[in-house]
Amino acid sequence: MSPLAILGWAIISAQVMLGLAMCCATYRLVAGPRAQDRILGLDTLYVNAMLMLVTFGIRTGSTLYFEAALVIGLLGFVSTVALAKFLMRGEVIE
């Protein structure tokens, strides 16, 4: 097997595993018993979505996917911090 074939199979298997992880995170987001569990599910979901875009970018060779992953990472971090602050204090902006 050539190294490119091995890389192709590795990327495909990583995408399948990331898809399964996204399904598990979606379950935790929907069925989480507490709000903290739902925030962690959302945090895991955006990280998995970001990594899925990175693997698509590696597979296709397009830089657009990497830029989209960067935007998702930044917005996801800010939203997680805002939701955690809202749960702790009841308000986001003081």
PDB file of N, CA and C in Angstrom:
ATOM      1  N   MET A   1       0.833  -1.186   0.000  1.00  0.00           N
ATOM      2  CA  MET A   1       0.000   0.000   0.000  1.00  0.00           C
ATOM      3  C   MET A   1       0.876   1.246   0.000  1.00  0.00           C
ATOM      4  N   SER A   2       0.431   2.212  -0.741  1.00  0.00           N
ATOM      5  CA  SER A   2       1.189   3.456  -0.809  1.00  0.00           C
ATOM      6  C   SER A   2       0.842   4.340   0.387  1.00  0.00           C
ATOM      7  N   PRO A   3       1.720   5.256   0.711  1.00  0.00           N
ATOM      8  CA  PRO A   3       1.434   6.164   1.840  1.00  0.00           C
ATOM      9  C   PRO A   3       0.181   7.011   1.629  1.00  0.00           C
ATOM     10  N   LEU A   4      -0.121   7.364   0.385  1.00  0.00           N
ATOM     11  CA  LEU A   4      -1.325   8.147   0.132  1.00  0.00           C
ATOM     12  C   LEU A   4      -2.593   7.332   0.384  1.00  0.00           C
ATOM     13  N   ALA A   5      -2.554   6.050   0.085  1.00  0.00           N
ATOM     14  CA  ALA A   5      -3.706   5.194   0.353  1.00  0.00           C
ATOM     15  C   ALA A   5      -3.916   5.039   1.856  1.00  0.00           C
ATOM     16  N   ILE A   6      -2.830   4.904   2.594  1.00  0.00           N
ATOM     17  CA  ILE A   6      -2.929   4.793   4.050  1.00  0.00           C
ATOM     18  C   ILE A   6      -3.486   6.081   4.638  1.00  0.00           C
ATOM     19  N   LEU A   7      -3.029   7.232   4.133  1.00  0.00           N
ATOM     20  CA  LEU A   7      -3.541   8.516   4.604  1.00  0.00           C
ATOM     21  C   LEU A   7      -5.027   8.667   4.282  1.00  0.00           C
ATOM     22  N   GLY A   8      -5.439   8.218   3.103  1.00  0.00           N
ATOM     23  CA  GLY A   8      -6.846   8.287   2.733  1.00  0.00           C
ATOM     24  C   GLY A   8      -7.720   7.461   3.653  1.00  0.00           C
ATOM     25  N   TRP A   9      -7.284   6.237   3.940  1.00  0.00           N
ATOM     26  CA  TRP A   9      -8.055   5.382   4.851  1.00  0.00           C
ATOM     27  C   TRP A   9      -8.068   5.957   6.266  1.00  0.00           C
ATOM     28  N   ALA A  10      -6.963   6.552   6.696  1.00  0.00           N
ATOM     29  CA  ALA A  10      -6.908   7.140   8.035  1.00  0.00           C
ATOM     30  C   ALA A  10      -7.859   8.327   8.151  1.00  0.00           C
ATOM     31  N   ILE A  11      -7.932   9.139   7.107  1.00  0.00           N
ATOM     32  CA  ILE A  11      -8.835  10.289   7.135  1.00  0.00           C
ATOM     33  C   ILE A  11     -10.289   9.836   7.132  1.00  0.00           C
ATOM     34  N   ILE A  12     -10.594   8.844   6.321  1.00  0.00           N
ATOM     35  CA  ILE A  12     -11.969   8.336   6.281  1.00  0.00           C
ATOM     36  C   ILE A  12     -12.371   7.730   7.628  1.00  0.00           C
ATOM     37  N   SER A  13     -11.481   6.963   8.240  1.00  0.00           N
ATOM     38  CA  SER A  13     -11.809   6.382   9.544  1.00  0.00           C
ATOM     39  C   SER A  13     -11.918   7.466  10.620  1.00  0.00           C
ATOM     40  N   ALA A  14     -11.103   8.503  10.530  1.00  0.00           N
ATOM     41  CA  ALA A  14     -11.220   9.609  11.485  1.00  0.00           C
ATOM     42  C   ALA A  14     -12.552  10.334  11.321  1.00  0.00           C
ATOM     43  N   GLN A  15     -13.004  10.492  10.075  1.00  0.00           N
ATOM     44  CA  GLN A  15     -14.287  11.150   9.851  1.00  0.00           C
ATOM     45  C   GLN A  15     -15.448  10.311  10.364  1.00  0.00           C
ATOM     46  N   VAL A  16     -15.346   9.009  10.223  1.00  0.00           N
ATOM     47  CA  VAL A  16     -16.399   8.131  10.749  1.00  0.00           C
ATOM     48  C   VAL A  16     -16.437   8.207  12.270  1.00  0.00           C
ATOM     49  N   MET A  17     -15.281   8.173  12.907  1.00  0.00           N
ATOM     50  CA  MET A  17     -15.238   8.250  14.367  1.00  0.00           C
ATOM     51  C   MET A  17     -15.702   9.615  14.868  1.00  0.00           C
ATOM     52  N   LEU A  18     -15.353  10.671  14.147  1.00  0.00           N
ATOM     53  CA  LEU A  18     -15.840  11.999  14.532  1.00  0.00           C
ATOM     54  C   LEU A  18     -17.354  12.098  14.371  1.00  0.00           C
ATOM     55  N   GLY A  19     -17.894  11.460  13.358  1.00  0.00           N
ATOM     56  CA  GLY A  19     -19.342  11.434  13.183  1.00  0.00           C
ATOM     57  C   GLY A  19     -20.028  10.722  14.333  1.00  0.00           C
ATOM     58  N   LEU A  20     -19.450   9.608  14.779  1.00  0.00           N
ATOM     59  CA  LEU A  20     -20.007   8.903  15.943  1.00  0.00           C
ATOM     60  C   LEU A  20     -19.901   9.745  17.213  1.00  0.00           C
ATOM     61  N   ALA A  21     -18.791  10.450  17.357  1.00  0.00           N
ATOM     62  CA  ALA A  21     -18.630  11.332  18.520  1.00  0.00           C
ATOM     63  C   ALA A  21     -19.633  12.478  18.478  1.00  0.00           C
ATOM     64  N   MET A  22     -19.938  12.969  17.275  1.00  0.00           N
ATOM     65  CA  MET A  22     -20.945  14.026  17.150  1.00  0.00           C
ATOM     66  C   MET A  22     -22.331  13.505  17.525  1.00  0.00           C
ATOM     67  N   CYS A  23     -22.616  12.258  17.177  1.00  0.00           N
ATOM     68  CA  CYS A  23     -23.894  11.661  17.566  1.00  0.00           C
ATOM     69  C   CYS A  23     -23.997  11.535  19.087  1.00  0.00           C
ATOM     70  N   CYS A  24     -22.924  11.121  19.727  1.00  0.00           N
ATOM     71  CA  CYS A  24     -22.922  11.008  21.187  1.00  0.00           C
ATOM     72  C   CYS A  24     -23.068  12.383  21.850  1.00  0.00           C
ATOM     73  N   ALA A  25     -22.391  13.391  21.302  1.00  0.00           N
ATOM     74  CA  ALA A  25     -22.502  14.742  21.858  1.00  0.00           C
ATOM     75  C   ALA A  25     -23.901  15.312  21.653  1.00  0.00           C
ATOM     76  N   THR A  26     -24.522  14.997  20.525  1.00  0.00           N
ATOM     77  CA  THR A  26     -25.891  15.447  20.281  1.00  0.00           C
ATOM     78  C   THR A  26     -26.857  14.792  21.273  1.00  0.00           C
ATOM     79  N   TYR A  27     -26.648  13.525  21.563  1.00  0.00           N
ATOM     80  CA  TYR A  27     -27.471  12.855  22.571  1.00  0.00           C
ATOM     81  C   TYR A  27     -27.321  13.542  23.929  1.00  0.00           C
ATOM     82  N   ARG A  28     -26.096  13.878  24.322  1.00  0.00           N
ATOM     83  CA  ARG A  28     -25.874  14.539  25.607  1.00  0.00           C
ATOM     84  C   ARG A  28     -26.484  15.938  25.594  1.00  0.00           C
ATOM     85  N   LEU A  29     -26.474  16.595  24.443  1.00  0.00           N
ATOM     86  CA  LEU A  29     -27.065  17.928  24.325  1.00  0.00           C
ATOM     87  C   LEU A  29     -28.578  17.873  24.478  1.00  0.00           C
ATOM     88  N   VAL A  30     -29.200  16.843  23.932  1.00  0.00           N
ATOM     89  CA  VAL A  30     -30.661  16.741  23.972  1.00  0.00           C
ATOM     90  C   VAL A  30     -31.133  16.141  25.293  1.00  0.00           C
ATOM     91  N   ALA A  31     -30.490  15.092  25.749  1.00  0.00           N
ATOM     92  CA  ALA A  31     -30.986  14.344  26.906  1.00  0.00           C
ATOM     93  C   ALA A  31     -30.233  14.633  28.194  1.00  0.00           C
ATOM     94  N   GLY A  32     -29.403  15.664  28.211  1.00  0.00           N
ATOM     95  CA  GLY A  32     -28.650  15.958  29.424  1.00  0.00           C
ATOM     96  C   GLY A  32     -29.565  16.312  30.577  1.00  0.00           C
ATOM     97  N   PRO A  33     -29.368  15.705  31.736  1.00  0.00           N
ATOM     98  CA  PRO A  33     -30.284  15.978  32.841  1.00  0.00           C
ATOM     99  C   PRO A  33     -30.136  17.394  33.408  1.00  0.00           C
ATOM    100  N   ARG A  34     -28.952  17.975  33.310  1.00  0.00           N
ATOM    101  CA  ARG A  34     -28.733  19.313  33.852  1.00  0.00           C
ATOM    102  C   ARG A  34     -28.258  20.247  32.742  1.00  0.00           C
ATOM    103  N   ALA A  35     -28.304  21.520  33.007  1.00  0.00           N
ATOM    104  CA  ALA A  35     -27.859  22.510  32.027  1.00  0.00           C
ATOM    105  C   ALA A  35     -26.346  22.421  31.813  1.00  0.00           C
ATOM    106  N   GLN A  36     -25.606  22.064  32.840  1.00  0.00           N
ATOM    107  CA  GLN A  36     -24.157  21.928  32.704  1.00  0.00           C
ATOM    108  C   GLN A  36     -23.805  20.809  31.735  1.00  0.00           C
ATOM    109  N   ASP A  37     -24.552  19.718  31.776  1.00  0.00           N
ATOM    110  CA  ASP A  37     -24.322  18.621  30.840  1.00  0.00           C
ATOM    111  C   ASP A  37     -24.606  19.061  29.410  1.00  0.00           C
ATOM    112  N   ARG A  38     -25.624  19.868  29.235  1.00  0.00           N
ATOM    113  CA  ARG A  38     -25.955  20.345  27.895  1.00  0.00           C
ATOM    114  C   ARG A  38     -24.901  21.289  27.361  1.00  0.00           C
ATOM    115  N   ILE A  39     -24.325  22.108  28.220  1.00  0.00           N
ATOM    116  CA  ILE A  39     -23.253  23.003  27.772  1.00  0.00           C
ATOM    117  C   ILE A  39     -22.020  22.199  27.384  1.00  0.00           C
ATOM    118  N   LEU A  40     -21.698  21.174  28.154  1.00  0.00           N
ATOM    119  CA  LEU A  40     -20.560  20.327  27.797  1.00  0.00           C
ATOM    120  C   LEU A  40     -20.816  19.567  26.500  1.00  0.00           C
ATOM    121  N   GLY A  41     -22.072  19.141  26.286  1.00  0.00           N
ATOM    122  CA  GLY A  41     -22.421  18.505  25.016  1.00  0.00           C
ATOM    123  C   GLY A  41     -22.255  19.455  23.846  1.00  0.00           C
ATOM    124  N   LEU A  42     -22.665  20.708  24.026  1.00  0.00           N
ATOM    125  CA  LEU A  42     -22.502  21.708  22.977  1.00  0.00           C
ATOM    126  C   LEU A  42     -21.034  21.996  22.714  1.00  0.00           C
ATOM    127  N   ASP A  43     -20.245  22.068  23.774  1.00  0.00           N
ATOM    128  CA  ASP A  43     -18.813  22.301  23.637  1.00  0.00           C
ATOM    129  C   ASP A  43     -18.149  21.155  22.871  1.00  0.00           C
ATOM    130  N   THR A  44     -18.499  19.940  23.211  1.00  0.00           N
ATOM    131  CA  THR A  44     -17.952  18.774  22.516  1.00  0.00           C
ATOM    132  C   THR A  44     -18.402  18.738  21.060  1.00  0.00           C
ATOM    133  N   LEU A  45     -19.643  19.138  20.823  1.00  0.00           N
ATOM    134  CA  LEU A  45     -20.179  19.135  19.462  1.00  0.00           C
ATOM    135  C   LEU A  45     -19.442  20.122  18.564  1.00  0.00           C
ATOM    136  N   TYR A  46     -19.164  21.317  19.063  1.00  0.00           N
ATOM    137  CA  TYR A  46     -18.464  22.262  18.197  1.00  0.00           C
ATOM    138  C   TYR A  46     -17.007  21.871  17.983  1.00  0.00           C
ATOM    139  N   VAL A  47     -16.379  21.264  18.971  1.00  0.00           N
ATOM    140  CA  VAL A  47     -15.004  20.800  18.768  1.00  0.00           C
ATOM    141  C   VAL A  47     -14.966  19.687  17.726  1.00  0.00           C
ATOM    142  N   ASN A  48     -15.914  18.764  17.799  1.00  0.00           N
ATOM    143  CA  ASN A  48     -15.977  17.690  16.806  1.00  0.00           C
ATOM    144  C   ASN A  48     -16.288  18.230  15.413  1.00  0.00           C
ATOM    145  N   ALA A  49     -17.167  19.224  15.329  1.00  0.00           N
ATOM    146  CA  ALA A  49     -17.472  19.834  14.032  1.00  0.00           C
ATOM    147  C   ALA A  49     -16.248  20.538  13.463  1.00  0.00           C
ATOM    148  N   MET A  50     -15.492  21.191  14.325  1.00  0.00           N
ATOM    149  CA  MET A  50     -14.275  21.854  13.886  1.00  0.00           C
ATOM    150  C   MET A  50     -13.261  20.834  13.365  1.00  0.00           C
ATOM    151  N   LEU A  51     -13.104  19.737  14.064  1.00  0.00           N
ATOM    152  CA  LEU A  51     -12.166  18.706  13.620  1.00  0.00           C
ATOM    153  C   LEU A  51     -12.644  18.017  12.347  1.00  0.00           C
ATOM    154  N   MET A  52     -13.948  17.888  12.183  1.00  0.00           N
ATOM    155  CA  MET A  52     -14.494  17.323  10.949  1.00  0.00           C
ATOM    156  C   MET A  52     -14.163  18.227   9.762  1.00  0.00           C
ATOM    157  N   LEU A  53     -14.267  19.531   9.951  1.00  0.00           N
ATOM    158  CA  LEU A  53     -13.899  20.453   8.880  1.00  0.00           C
ATOM    159  C   LEU A  53     -12.409  20.386   8.565  1.00  0.00           C
ATOM    160  N   VAL A  54     -11.587  20.198   9.580  1.00  0.00           N
ATOM    161  CA  VAL A  54     -10.146  20.073   9.343  1.00  0.00           C
ATOM    162  C   VAL A  54      -9.846  18.816   8.528  1.00  0.00           C
ATOM    163  N   THR A  55     -10.526  17.714   8.848  1.00  0.00           N
ATOM    164  CA  THR A  55     -10.292  16.491   8.068  1.00  0.00           C
ATOM    165  C   THR A  55     -10.806  16.640   6.637  1.00  0.00           C
ATOM    166  N   PHE A  56     -11.921  17.356   6.447  1.00  0.00           N
ATOM    167  CA  PHE A  56     -12.379  17.640   5.081  1.00  0.00           C
ATOM    168  C   PHE A  56     -11.353  18.486   4.341  1.00  0.00           C
ATOM    169  N   GLY A  57     -10.761  19.448   5.040  1.00  0.00           N
ATOM    170  CA  GLY A  57      -9.740  20.287   4.426  1.00  0.00           C
ATOM    171  C   GLY A  57      -8.505  19.505   4.026  1.00  0.00           C
ATOM    172  N   ILE A  58      -8.099  18.563   4.855  1.00  0.00           N
ATOM    173  CA  ILE A  58      -6.947  17.717   4.511  1.00  0.00           C
ATOM    174  C   ILE A  58      -7.282  16.841   3.320  1.00  0.00           C
ATOM    175  N   ARG A  59      -8.504  16.320   3.312  1.00  0.00           N
ATOM    176  CA  ARG A  59      -8.905  15.402   2.239  1.00  0.00           C
ATOM    177  C   ARG A  59      -9.012  16.101   0.879  1.00  0.00           C
ATOM    178  N   THR A  60      -9.568  17.322   0.877  1.00  0.00           N
ATOM    179  CA  THR A  60      -9.761  18.017  -0.396  1.00  0.00           C
ATOM    180  C   THR A  60      -8.611  18.927  -0.761  1.00  0.00           C
ATOM    181  N   GLY A  61      -7.839  19.360   0.198  1.00  0.00           N
ATOM    182  CA  GLY A  61      -6.736  20.268  -0.068  1.00  0.00           C
ATOM    183  C   GLY A  61      -7.163  21.722  -0.179  1.00  0.00           C
ATOM    184  N   SER A  62      -8.374  22.040   0.259  1.00  0.00           N
ATOM    185  CA  SER A  62      -8.890  23.404   0.188  1.00  0.00           C
ATOM    186  C   SER A  62      -8.659  24.127   1.509  1.00  0.00           C
ATOM    187  N   THR A  63      -8.252  25.391   1.429  1.00  0.00           N
ATOM    188  CA  THR A  63      -8.006  26.162   2.650  1.00  0.00           C
ATOM    189  C   THR A  63      -9.287  26.752   3.229  1.00  0.00           C
ATOM    190  N   LEU A  64     -10.371  26.715   2.491  1.00  0.00           N
ATOM    191  CA  LEU A  64     -11.631  27.262   2.974  1.00  0.00           C
ATOM    192  C   LEU A  64     -12.113  26.516   4.222  1.00  0.00           C
ATOM    193  N   TYR A  65     -11.913  25.220   4.262  1.00  0.00           N
ATOM    194  CA  TYR A  65     -12.336  24.434   5.414  1.00  0.00           C
ATOM    195  C   TYR A  65     -11.547  24.804   6.672  1.00  0.00           C
ATOM    196  N   PHE A  66     -10.275  25.119   6.510  1.00  0.00           N
ATOM    197  CA  PHE A  66      -9.465  25.496   7.663  1.00  0.00           C
ATOM    198  C   PHE A  66      -9.914  26.837   8.235  1.00  0.00           C
ATOM    199  N   GLU A  67     -10.275  27.768   7.357  1.00  0.00           N
ATOM    200  CA  GLU A  67     -10.763  29.066   7.819  1.00  0.00           C
ATOM    201  C   GLU A  67     -12.104  28.922   8.524  1.00  0.00           C
ATOM    202  N   ALA A  68     -12.973  28.073   7.999  1.00  0.00           N
ATOM    203  CA  ALA A  68     -14.262  27.834   8.644  1.00  0.00           C
ATOM    204  C   ALA A  68     -14.068  27.169  10.009  1.00  0.00           C
ATOM    205  N   ALA A  69     -13.101  26.265  10.110  1.00  0.00           N
ATOM    206  CA  ALA A  69     -12.816  25.615  11.390  1.00  0.00           C
ATOM    207  C   ALA A  69     -12.301  26.630  12.410  1.00  0.00           C
ATOM    208  N   LEU A  70     -11.515  27.584  11.957  1.00  0.00           N
ATOM    209  CA  LEU A  70     -11.014  28.626  12.856  1.00  0.00           C
ATOM    210  C   LEU A  70     -12.155  29.490  13.375  1.00  0.00           C
ATOM    211  N   VAL A  71     -13.080  29.860  12.511  1.00  0.00           N
ATOM    212  CA  VAL A  71     -14.232  30.660  12.928  1.00  0.00           C
ATOM    213  C   VAL A  71     -15.113  29.885  13.903  1.00  0.00           C
ATOM    214  N   ILE A  72     -15.352  28.609  13.622  1.00  0.00           N
ATOM    215  CA  ILE A  72     -16.156  27.789  14.535  1.00  0.00           C
ATOM    216  C   ILE A  72     -15.470  27.670  15.891  1.00  0.00           C
ATOM    217  N   GLY A  73     -14.159  27.506  15.895  1.00  0.00           N
ATOM    218  CA  GLY A  73     -13.422  27.415  17.161  1.00  0.00           C
ATOM    219  C   GLY A  73     -13.538  28.683  17.992  1.00  0.00           C
ATOM    220  N   LEU A  74     -13.406  29.836  17.351  1.00  0.00           N
ATOM    221  CA  LEU A  74     -13.499  31.098  18.081  1.00  0.00           C
ATOM    222  C   LEU A  74     -14.907  31.354  18.607  1.00  0.00           C
ATOM    223  N   LEU A  75     -15.899  31.171  17.754  1.00  0.00           N
ATOM    224  CA  LEU A  75     -17.279  31.405  18.188  1.00  0.00           C
ATOM    225  C   LEU A  75     -17.731  30.379  19.222  1.00  0.00           C
ATOM    226  N   GLY A  76     -17.284  29.152  19.087  1.00  0.00           N
ATOM    227  CA  GLY A  76     -17.644  28.123  20.054  1.00  0.00           C
ATOM    228  C   GLY A  76     -17.072  28.385  21.426  1.00  0.00           C
ATOM    229  N   PHE A  77     -15.838  28.850  21.475  1.00  0.00           N
ATOM    230  CA  PHE A  77     -15.214  29.170  22.757  1.00  0.00           C
ATOM    231  C   PHE A  77     -15.944  30.315  23.442  1.00  0.00           C
ATOM    232  N   VAL A  78     -16.246  31.354  22.690  1.00  0.00           N
ATOM    233  CA  VAL A  78     -16.938  32.510  23.271  1.00  0.00           C
ATOM    234  C   VAL A  78     -18.335  32.124  23.750  1.00  0.00           C
ATOM    235  N   SER A  79     -19.037  31.307  22.983  1.00  0.00           N
ATOM    236  CA  SER A  79     -20.381  30.908  23.401  1.00  0.00           C
ATOM    237  C   SER A  79     -20.342  30.013  24.640  1.00  0.00           C
ATOM    238  N   THR A  80     -19.358  29.152  24.743  1.00  0.00           N
ATOM    239  CA  THR A  80     -19.244  28.299  25.928  1.00  0.00           C
ATOM    240  C   THR A  80     -18.964  29.132  27.170  1.00  0.00           C
ATOM    241  N   VAL A  81     -18.081  30.109  27.045  1.00  0.00           N
ATOM    242  CA  VAL A  81     -17.771  30.976  28.190  1.00  0.00           C
ATOM    243  C   VAL A  81     -18.999  31.797  28.581  1.00  0.00           C
ATOM    244  N   ALA A  82     -19.725  32.313  27.597  1.00  0.00           N
ATOM    245  CA  ALA A  82     -20.911  33.114  27.899  1.00  0.00           C
ATOM    246  C   ALA A  82     -21.993  32.267  28.576  1.00  0.00           C
ATOM    247  N   LEU A  83     -22.218  31.056  28.093  1.00  0.00           N
ATOM    248  CA  LEU A  83     -23.227  30.197  28.714  1.00  0.00           C
ATOM    249  C   LEU A  83     -22.827  29.775  30.128  1.00  0.00           C
ATOM    250  N   ALA A  84     -21.549  29.486  30.330  1.00  0.00           N
ATOM    251  CA  ALA A  84     -21.093  29.115  31.673  1.00  0.00           C
ATOM    252  C   ALA A  84     -21.232  30.289  32.637  1.00  0.00           C
ATOM    253  N   LYS A  85     -20.919  31.492  32.171  1.00  0.00           N
ATOM    254  CA  LYS A  85     -21.065  32.666  33.024  1.00  0.00           C
ATOM    255  C   LYS A  85     -22.532  32.937  33.327  1.00  0.00           C
ATOM    256  N   PHE A  86     -23.394  32.708  32.352  1.00  0.00           N
ATOM    257  CA  PHE A  86     -24.826  32.892  32.582  1.00  0.00           C
ATOM    258  C   PHE A  86     -25.346  31.905  33.623  1.00  0.00           C
ATOM    259  N   LEU A  87     -24.864  30.667  33.581  1.00  0.00           N
ATOM    260  CA  LEU A  87     -25.318  29.684  34.568  1.00  0.00           C
ATOM    261  C   LEU A  87     -24.801  29.996  35.961  1.00  0.00           C
ATOM    262  N   MET A  88     -23.608  30.571  36.048  1.00  0.00           N
ATOM    263  CA  MET A  88     -23.044  30.852  37.361  1.00  0.00           C
ATOM    264  C   MET A  88     -23.684  32.086  38.008  1.00  0.00           C
ATOM    265  N   ARG A  89     -23.867  33.156  37.218  1.00  0.00           N
ATOM    266  CA  ARG A  89     -24.304  34.426  37.802  1.00  0.00           C
ATOM    267  C   ARG A  89     -25.698  34.859  37.381  1.00  0.00           C
ATOM    268  N   GLY A  90     -26.255  34.279  36.339  1.00  0.00           N
ATOM    269  CA  GLY A  90     -27.571  34.677  35.892  1.00  0.00           C
ATOM    270  C   GLY A  90     -27.567  35.812  34.887  1.00  0.00           C
ATOM    271  N   GLU A  91     -26.402  36.358  34.591  1.00  0.00           N
ATOM    272  CA  GLU A  91     -26.281  37.422  33.594  1.00  0.00           C
ATOM    273  C   GLU A  91     -24.926  37.294  32.918  1.00  0.00           C
ATOM    274  N   VAL A  92     -24.862  37.748  31.680  1.00  0.00           N
ATOM    275  CA  VAL A  92     -23.616  37.641  30.926  1.00  0.00           C
ATOM    276  C   VAL A  92     -22.825  38.929  31.016  1.00  0.00           C
ATOM    277  N   ILE A  93     -23.501  40.055  30.856  1.00  0.00           N
ATOM    278  CA  ILE A  93     -22.847  41.361  30.900  1.00  0.00           C
ATOM    279  C   ILE A  93     -23.165  42.010  32.218  1.00  0.00           C
ATOM    280  N   GLU A  94     -22.119  42.426  32.900  1.00  0.00           N
ATOM    281  CA  GLU A  94     -22.313  43.050  34.221  1.00  0.00           C
ATOM    282  C   GLU A  94     -22.421  44.546  34.105  1.00  0.00           C
TER     283      GLU A  94
END
